[in-house]
C-alpha atoms as a PDB file:
ATOM      1  CA  MET A   1      73.093-160.589-163.186  1.00  0.00           C
ATOM      2  CA  LYS A   2      72.328-160.249-159.465  1.00  0.00           C
ATOM      3  CA  TYR A   3      71.479-156.854-157.949  1.00  0.00           C
ATOM      4  CA  LYS A   4      70.732-155.624-154.430  1.00  0.00           C
ATOM      5  CA  SER A   5      67.759-153.316-153.903  1.00  0.00           C
ATOM      6  CA  THR A   6      68.775-150.127-152.087  1.00  0.00           C
ATOM      7  CA  ARG A   7      65.218-149.848-150.711  1.00  0.00           C
ATOM      8  CA  THR A   8      64.560-153.385-149.373  1.00  0.00           C
ATOM      9  CA  GLY A   9      68.015-154.991-149.333  1.00  0.00           C
ATOM     10  CA  GLU A  10      66.679-157.923-151.386  1.00  0.00           C
ATOM     11  CA  ILE A  11      68.957-159.698-153.858  1.00  0.00           C
ATOM     12  CA  VAL A  12      67.313-160.072-157.265  1.00  0.00           C
ATOM     13  CA  GLU A  13      68.225-161.505-160.634  1.00  0.00           C
ATOM     14  CA  ILE A  14      67.722-158.960-163.424  1.00  0.00           C
ATOM     15  CA  PRO A  15      68.274-159.881-167.107  1.00  0.00           C
ATOM     16  CA  ASP A  16      71.053-157.986-168.918  1.00  0.00           C
ATOM     17  CA  THR A  17      68.471-156.749-171.419  1.00  0.00           C
ATOM     18  CA  VAL A  18      66.629-154.789-168.688  1.00  0.00           C
ATOM     19  CA  LYS A  19      67.792-151.228-167.989  1.00  0.00           C
ATOM     20  CA  VAL A  20      68.642-150.954-164.279  1.00  0.00           C
ATOM     21  CA  ASN A  21      68.271-147.754-162.266  1.00  0.00           C
ATOM     22  CA  PRO A  22      71.640-147.372-160.428  1.00  0.00           C
ATOM     23  CA  GLN A  23      69.928-145.410-157.640  1.00  0.00           C
ATOM     24  CA  ALA A  24      67.555-148.308-156.982  1.00  0.00           C
ATOM     25  CA  TYR A  25      69.916-151.277-157.457  1.00  0.00           C
ATOM     26  CA  THR A  26      73.593-152.020-156.953  1.00  0.00           C
ATOM     27  CA  PRO A  27      75.344-154.999-158.597  1.00  0.00           C
ATOM     28  CA  VAL A  28      76.375-157.886-156.375  1.00  0.00           C
ATOM     29  CA  ASP A  29      80.014-158.860-156.905  1.00  0.00           C
ATOM     30  CA  GLY A  30      80.502-162.419-158.035  1.00  0.00           C
ATOM     31  CA  GLY A  31      76.785-163.140-158.029  1.00  0.00           C
ATOM     32  CA  ASN A  32      77.170-165.523-155.078  1.00  0.00           C
ATOM     33  CA  THR A  33      75.072-163.643-152.503  1.00  0.00           C
ATOM     34  CA  GLN A  34      72.276-165.741-151.024  1.00  0.00           C
ATOM     35  CA  GLN A  35      68.854-165.135-152.552  1.00  0.00           C
ATOM     36  CA  THR A  36      65.885-164.014-150.459  1.00  0.00           C
ATOM     37  CA  ASP A  37      63.316-166.624-149.390  1.00  0.00           C
ATOM     38  CA  ASN A  38      60.495-164.745-151.119  1.00  0.00           C
ATOM     39  CA  PRO A  39      59.853-166.494-154.493  1.00  0.00           C
ATOM     40  CA  ASN A  40      58.394-163.240-155.856  1.00  0.00           C
ATOM     41  CA  ALA A  41      61.333-161.096-154.719  1.00  0.00           C
ATOM     42  CA  GLY A  42      62.761-160.564-158.196  1.00  0.00           C
ATOM     43  CA  MET A  43      59.408-159.688-159.729  1.00  0.00           C
ATOM     44  CA  LYS A  44      58.499-157.496-156.767  1.00  0.00           C
ATOM     45  CA  SER A  45      61.693-155.456-156.993  1.00  0.00           C
ATOM     46  CA  LEU A  46      61.225-154.952-160.723  1.00  0.00           C
ATOM     47  CA  TYR A  47      57.619-153.823-160.226  1.00  0.00           C
ATOM     48  CA  GLN A  48      58.669-151.464-157.414  1.00  0.00           C
ATOM     49  CA  ASN A  49      61.329-150.013-159.691  1.00  0.00           C
ATOM     50  CA  MET A  50      58.771-149.462-162.453  1.00  0.00           C
ATOM     51  CA  PHE A  51      56.359-147.982-159.908  1.00  0.00           C
ATOM     52  CA  ASN A  52      58.905-145.431-158.687  1.00  0.00           C
ATOM     53  CA  GLN A  53      59.841-144.411-162.232  1.00  0.00           C
ATOM     54  CA  ALA A  54      56.233-144.015-163.407  1.00  0.00           C
ATOM     55  CA  LYS A  55      55.356-140.377-164.091  1.00  0.00           C
ATOM     56  CA  THR A  56      51.659-140.386-163.211  1.00  0.00           C
ATOM     57  CA  ILE A  57      49.488-141.669-160.369  1.00  0.00           C
ATOM     58  CA  LYS A  58      47.391-143.582-162.930  1.00  0.00           C
ATOM     59  CA  ASP A  59      50.452-145.472-164.197  1.00  0.00           C
ATOM     60  CA  ARG A  60      51.628-146.313-160.678  1.00  0.00           C
ATOM     61  CA  SER A  61      48.188-147.578-159.729  1.00  0.00           C
ATOM     62  CA  ALA A  62      48.109-149.800-162.816  1.00  0.00           C
ATOM     63  CA  ILE A  63      51.542-151.269-161.986  1.00  0.00           C
ATOM     64  CA  ALA A  64      50.580-152.001-158.363  1.00  0.00           C
ATOM     65  CA  THR A  65      47.295-153.592-159.448  1.00  0.00           C
ATOM     66  CA  SER A  66      49.063-155.723-162.060  1.00  0.00           C
ATOM     67  CA  TYR A  67      51.513-157.042-159.476  1.00  0.00           C
ATOM     68  CA  LYS A  68      48.758-157.885-156.982  1.00  0.00           C
ATOM     69  CA  THR A  69      46.777-159.683-159.688  1.00  0.00           C
ATOM     70  CA  SER A  70      49.840-161.750-160.677  1.00  0.00           C
ATOM     71  CA  THR A  71      51.073-162.649-157.190  1.00  0.00           C
ATOM     72  CA  GLY A  72      48.174-162.069-154.809  1.00  0.00           C
ATOM     73  CA  GLU A  73      50.252-159.802-152.575  1.00  0.00           C
ATOM     74  CA  GLU A  74      50.659-156.060-152.188  1.00  0.00           C
ATOM     75  CA  LEU A  75      53.479-154.389-154.106  1.00  0.00           C
ATOM     76  CA  PHE A  76      54.584-152.436-151.013  1.00  0.00           C
ATOM     77  CA  ALA A  77      54.555-154.086-147.611  1.00  0.00           C
ATOM     78  CA  SER A  78      52.923-152.361-144.663  1.00  0.00           C
ATOM     79  CA  GLY A  79      55.098-149.539-143.355  1.00  0.00           C
ATOM     80  CA  ILE A  80      56.941-149.009-146.652  1.00  0.00           C
ATOM     81  CA  LYS A  81      55.833-145.736-148.142  1.00  0.00           C
ATOM     82  CA  PRO A  82      56.125-145.438-151.934  1.00  0.00           C
ATOM     83  CA  LYS A  83      57.590-142.264-153.351  1.00  0.00           C
ATOM     84  CA  SER A  84      55.168-139.402-153.804  1.00  0.00           C
ATOM     85  CA  GLU A  85      54.644-137.522-157.049  1.00  0.00           C
ATOM     86  CA  ASP A  86      56.576-134.567-155.608  1.00  0.00           C
ATOM     87  CA  GLU A  87      59.511-136.810-154.649  1.00  0.00           C
ATOM     88  CA  LEU A  88      59.602-138.298-158.135  1.00  0.00           C
ATOM     89  CA  LYS A  89      59.552-134.826-159.698  1.00  0.00           C
ATOM     90  CA  LYS A  90      62.440-133.751-157.475  1.00  0.00           C
ATOM     91  CA  GLU A  91      64.460-136.852-158.427  1.00  0.00           C
ATOM     92  CA  ARG A  92      63.873-136.242-162.144  1.00  0.00           C
ATOM     93  CA  ALA A  93      64.846-132.582-161.744  1.00  0.00           C
ATOM     94  CA  LYS A  94      68.034-133.584-159.909  1.00  0.00           C
ATOM     95  CA  ALA A  95      69.011-136.005-162.692  1.00  0.00           C
ATOM     96  CA  GLU A  96      68.321-133.327-165.316  1.00  0.00           C
ATOM     97  CA  LEU A  97      70.325-130.805-163.284  1.00  0.00           C
ATOM     98  CA  ALA A  98      73.326-133.158-163.082  1.00  0.00           C
ATOM     99  CA  ASN A  99      73.373-133.625-166.864  1.00  0.00           C
ATOM    100  CA  THR A 100      72.997-129.897-167.549  1.00  0.00           C
ATOM    101  CA  LEU A 101      75.711-128.966-165.036  1.00  0.00           C
ATOM    102  CA  ASP A 102      78.107-131.337-166.789  1.00  0.00           C
ATOM    103  CA  LEU A 103      77.373-129.626-170.107  1.00  0.00           C
ATOM    104  CA  LEU A 104      77.603-126.115-168.619  1.00  0.00           C
ATOM    105  CA  GLU A 105      80.995-126.829-167.046  1.00  0.00           C
ATOM    106  CA  GLU A 106      82.324-128.322-170.265  1.00  0.00           C
ATOM    107  CA  LYS A 107      81.235-125.292-172.310  1.00  0.00           C
ATOM    108  CA  TYR A 108      82.405-122.812-169.657  1.00  0.00           C
ATOM    109  CA  PHE A 109      85.941-124.071-169.225  1.00  0.00           C
ATOM    110  CA  THR A 110      86.534-125.340-172.776  1.00  0.00           C
ATOM    111  CA  ASN A 111      85.490-122.019-174.330  1.00  0.00           C
ATOM    112  CA  LYS A 112      87.194-119.919-171.632  1.00  0.00           C
ATOM    113  CA  ILE A 113      84.026-118.014-170.678  1.00  0.00           C
ATOM    114  CA  ALA A 114      85.555-116.691-167.421  1.00  0.00           C
ATOM    115  CA  GLN A 115      86.880-113.187-168.122  1.00  0.00           C
ATOM    116  CA  GLY A 116      86.596-111.378-164.791  1.00  0.00           C
ATOM    117  CA  ARG A 117      84.915-108.010-164.304  1.00  0.00           C
ATOM    118  CA  ILE A 118      86.631-105.926-167.006  1.00  0.00           C
ATOM    119  CA  GLY A 119      87.183-108.701-169.524  1.00  0.00           C
ATOM    120  CA  GLY A 120      83.615-109.874-168.976  1.00  0.00           C
ATOM    121  CA  LEU A 121      82.287-106.453-169.919  1.00  0.00           C
ATOM    122  CA  LEU A 122      84.073-106.570-173.271  1.00  0.00           C
ATOM    123  CA  SER A 123      83.009-110.176-173.825  1.00  0.00           C
ATOM    124  CA  ASN A 124      79.400-109.230-173.076  1.00  0.00           C
ATOM    125  CA  LEU A 125      79.504-106.287-175.530  1.00  0.00           C
ATOM    126  CA  LEU A 126      80.898-108.526-178.265  1.00  0.00           C
ATOM    127  CA  GLN A 127      78.120-111.031-177.599  1.00  0.00           C
ATOM    128  CA  LYS A 128      75.439-108.354-177.979  1.00  0.00           C
ATOM    129  CA  ALA A 129      77.054-107.276-181.233  1.00  0.00           C
ATOM    130  CA  GLY A 130      76.932-110.864-182.508  1.00  0.00           C
ATOM    131  CA  TYR A 131      80.648-111.647-182.225  1.00  0.00           C
ATOM    132  CA  ASN A 132      80.722-114.104-179.340  1.00  0.00           C
ATOM    133  CA  ALA A 133      78.800-117.262-180.271  1.00  0.00           C
ATOM    134  CA  ASN A 134      80.350-119.335-177.480  1.00  0.00           C
ATOM    135  CA  LEU A 135      79.093-116.946-174.801  1.00  0.00           C
ATOM    136  CA  THR A 136      75.636-116.788-176.415  1.00  0.00           C
ATOM    137  CA  ASP A 137      75.455-120.583-176.427  1.00  0.00           C
ATOM    138  CA  TYR A 138      76.551-120.842-172.782  1.00  0.00           C
ATOM    139  CA  SER A 139      74.254-118.044-171.593  1.00  0.00           C
ATOM    140  CA  SER A 140      71.226-119.635-173.281  1.00  0.00           C
ATOM    141  CA  LEU A 141      71.884-122.965-171.585  1.00  0.00           C
ATOM    142  CA  ARG A 142      72.450-121.179-168.265  1.00  0.00           C
ATOM    143  CA  GLU A 143      69.072-119.435-168.550  1.00  0.00           C
ATOM    144  CA  SER A 144      67.305-122.706-169.372  1.00  0.00           C
ATOM    145  CA  ILE A 145      68.445-124.318-166.121  1.00  0.00           C
ATOM    146  CA  LYS A 146      66.572-121.874-163.842  1.00  0.00           C
ATOM    147  CA  PRO A 147      63.350-123.931-163.372  1.00  0.00           C
ATOM    148  CA  THR A 148      65.364-127.138-162.901  1.00  0.00           C
ATOM    149  CA  LEU A 149      67.416-125.580-160.100  1.00  0.00           C
ATOM    150  CA  VAL A 150      64.269-124.598-158.200  1.00  0.00           C
ATOM    151  CA  ARG A 151      62.599-128.002-158.688  1.00  0.00           C
ATOM    152  CA  ALA A 152      65.737-129.886-157.655  1.00  0.00           C
ATOM    153  CA  ALA A 153      65.750-127.833-154.459  1.00  0.00           C
ATOM    154  CA  GLY A 154      62.277-129.134-153.642  1.00  0.00           C
ATOM    155  CA  ASP A 155      59.808-126.587-155.072  1.00  0.00           C
ATOM    156  CA  VAL A 156      57.533-128.501-157.439  1.00  0.00           C
ATOM    157  CA  GLY A 157      54.780-125.890-157.624  1.00  0.00           C
ATOM    158  CA  ALA A 158      54.624-122.636-159.546  1.00  0.00           C
ATOM    159  CA  LEU A 159      58.035-121.118-160.184  1.00  0.00           C
ATOM    160  CA  ASN A 160      58.114-117.325-159.969  1.00  0.00           C
ATOM    161  CA  LEU A 161      60.854-115.178-161.493  1.00  0.00           C
ATOM    162  CA  PRO A 162      62.448-114.042-158.197  1.00  0.00           C
ATOM    163  CA  GLU A 163      62.950-117.691-157.173  1.00  0.00           C
ATOM    164  CA  GLN A 164      64.528-118.507-160.520  1.00  0.00           C
ATOM    165  CA  GLU A 165      66.818-115.475-160.448  1.00  0.00           C
ATOM    166  CA  ALA A 166      67.948-116.329-156.913  1.00  0.00           C
ATOM    167  CA  ALA A 167      68.703-119.931-157.889  1.00  0.00           C
ATOM    168  CA  ILE A 168      70.720-119.061-161.007  1.00  0.00           C
ATOM    169  CA  LYS A 169      73.180-116.887-159.041  1.00  0.00           C
ATOM    170  CA  SER A 170      75.121-120.028-158.147  1.00  0.00           C
ATOM    171  CA  ILE A 171      76.024-120.584-161.828  1.00  0.00           C
ATOM    172  CA  PRO A 172      79.024-118.487-163.042  1.00  0.00           C
ATOM    173  CA  THR A 173      78.903-115.925-165.865  1.00  0.00           C
ATOM    174  CA  GLU A 174      81.457-114.237-168.109  1.00  0.00           C
ATOM    175  CA  PHE A 175      82.103-111.773-165.259  1.00  0.00           C
ATOM    176  CA  SER A 176      83.380-114.526-162.933  1.00  0.00           C
ATOM    177  CA  THR A 177      87.069-115.257-162.542  1.00  0.00           C
ATOM    178  CA  LEU A 178      88.328-118.780-163.171  1.00  0.00           C
ATOM    179  CA  GLU A 179      88.733-119.386-159.437  1.00  0.00           C
ATOM    180  CA  GLU A 180      85.250-118.044-158.668  1.00  0.00           C
ATOM    181  CA  ALA A 181      83.664-120.180-161.379  1.00  0.00           C
ATOM    182  CA  THR A 182      85.365-123.352-160.149  1.00  0.00           C
ATOM    183  CA  LYS A 183      84.117-122.746-156.603  1.00  0.00           C
ATOM    184  CA  GLN A 184      80.588-121.859-157.800  1.00  0.00           C
ATOM    185  CA  PHE A 185      80.216-125.076-159.783  1.00  0.00           C
ATOM    186  CA  GLU A 186      81.570-127.130-156.873  1.00  0.00           C
ATOM    187  CA  THR A 187      79.250-125.409-154.369  1.00  0.00           C
ATOM    188  CA  THR A 188      76.221-125.957-156.599  1.00  0.00           C
ATOM    189  CA  ARG A 189      77.004-129.666-156.928  1.00  0.00           C
ATOM    190  CA  ARG A 190      77.474-130.098-153.183  1.00  0.00           C
ATOM    191  CA  LYS A 191      74.263-128.203-152.460  1.00  0.00           C
ATOM    192  CA  PHE A 192      72.205-130.615-154.567  1.00  0.00           C
ATOM    193  CA  GLY A 193      74.184-133.768-153.707  1.00  0.00           C
ATOM    194  CA  ILE A 194      75.583-134.136-157.225  1.00  0.00           C
ATOM    195  CA  PRO A 195      79.076-135.707-157.506  1.00  0.00           C
ATOM    196  CA  LEU A 196      81.879-133.344-158.498  1.00  0.00           C
ATOM    197  CA  LYS A 197      82.969-133.645-162.091  1.00  0.00           C
ATOM    198  CA  GLU A 198      86.252-135.507-162.415  1.00  0.00           C
ATOM    199  CA  LYS A 199      89.129-133.312-163.462  1.00  0.00           C
ATOM    200  CA  LYS A 200      91.207-134.580-166.338  1.00  0.00           C
ATOM    201  CA  LYS A 201      94.579-135.785-165.188  1.00  0.00           C
ATOM    202  CA  LYS A 202      97.534-134.407-167.114  1.00  0.00           C
ATOM    203  CA  ALA A 203      99.537-137.199-168.689  1.00  0.00           C
ATOM    204  CA  SER A 204     103.088-137.644-167.422  1.00  0.00           C
ATOM    205  CA  LEU A 205     106.064-137.759-169.778  1.00  0.00           C
ATOM    206  CA  GLU A 206     106.313-141.501-169.183  1.00  0.00           C
ATOM    207  CA  GLU A 207     102.680-141.987-170.272  1.00  0.00           C
ATOM    208  CA  ILE A 208     103.086-139.776-173.350  1.00  0.00           C
ATOM    209  CA  PHE A 209     106.106-141.682-174.660  1.00  0.00           C
ATOM    210  CA  GLN A 210     104.913-145.202-173.823  1.00  0.00           C
END
């Protein structure tokens, strides 16, 4: 299937058996777009994709060297700056954050965690007494997302506790109202450029009885 590189604009043919990064490539409708004149375009785009997904400098160097040995040309043309280690870490943190936010929202709204100020106090006391497993499960996942929030915001160095506590304030707790929680999740997603989770559409009577 043909794909267009979001970095170079090149059209490449990628086998269906190869996993494609949707942030790096977009499918070309119909597959009729004209191919680039560079005979190594397909291989180059694949190597650049592997380079950007590599987790260490050693791995990226090996990929670039392998491409140059095979084709005799540089993997990245002059003026094109490959992603830095910090940029790659931020991208991975953002992807992890998106997945965790999806799970947090599902647990929060499905298990009706939002109880407001007074109801939240009772819910919290029941949790501490061992009678609120849903809240314990949600709270544990909420705590685990602290480092990811900071990294997704751009801090890839040491993460101190004040930074983590400040970041986690955007994620609702049992003391939030339903309206507050909805806005907090939406604000967090917009802040990090993560698409809003689609709300389930209620089926109409016509759809139910079809």
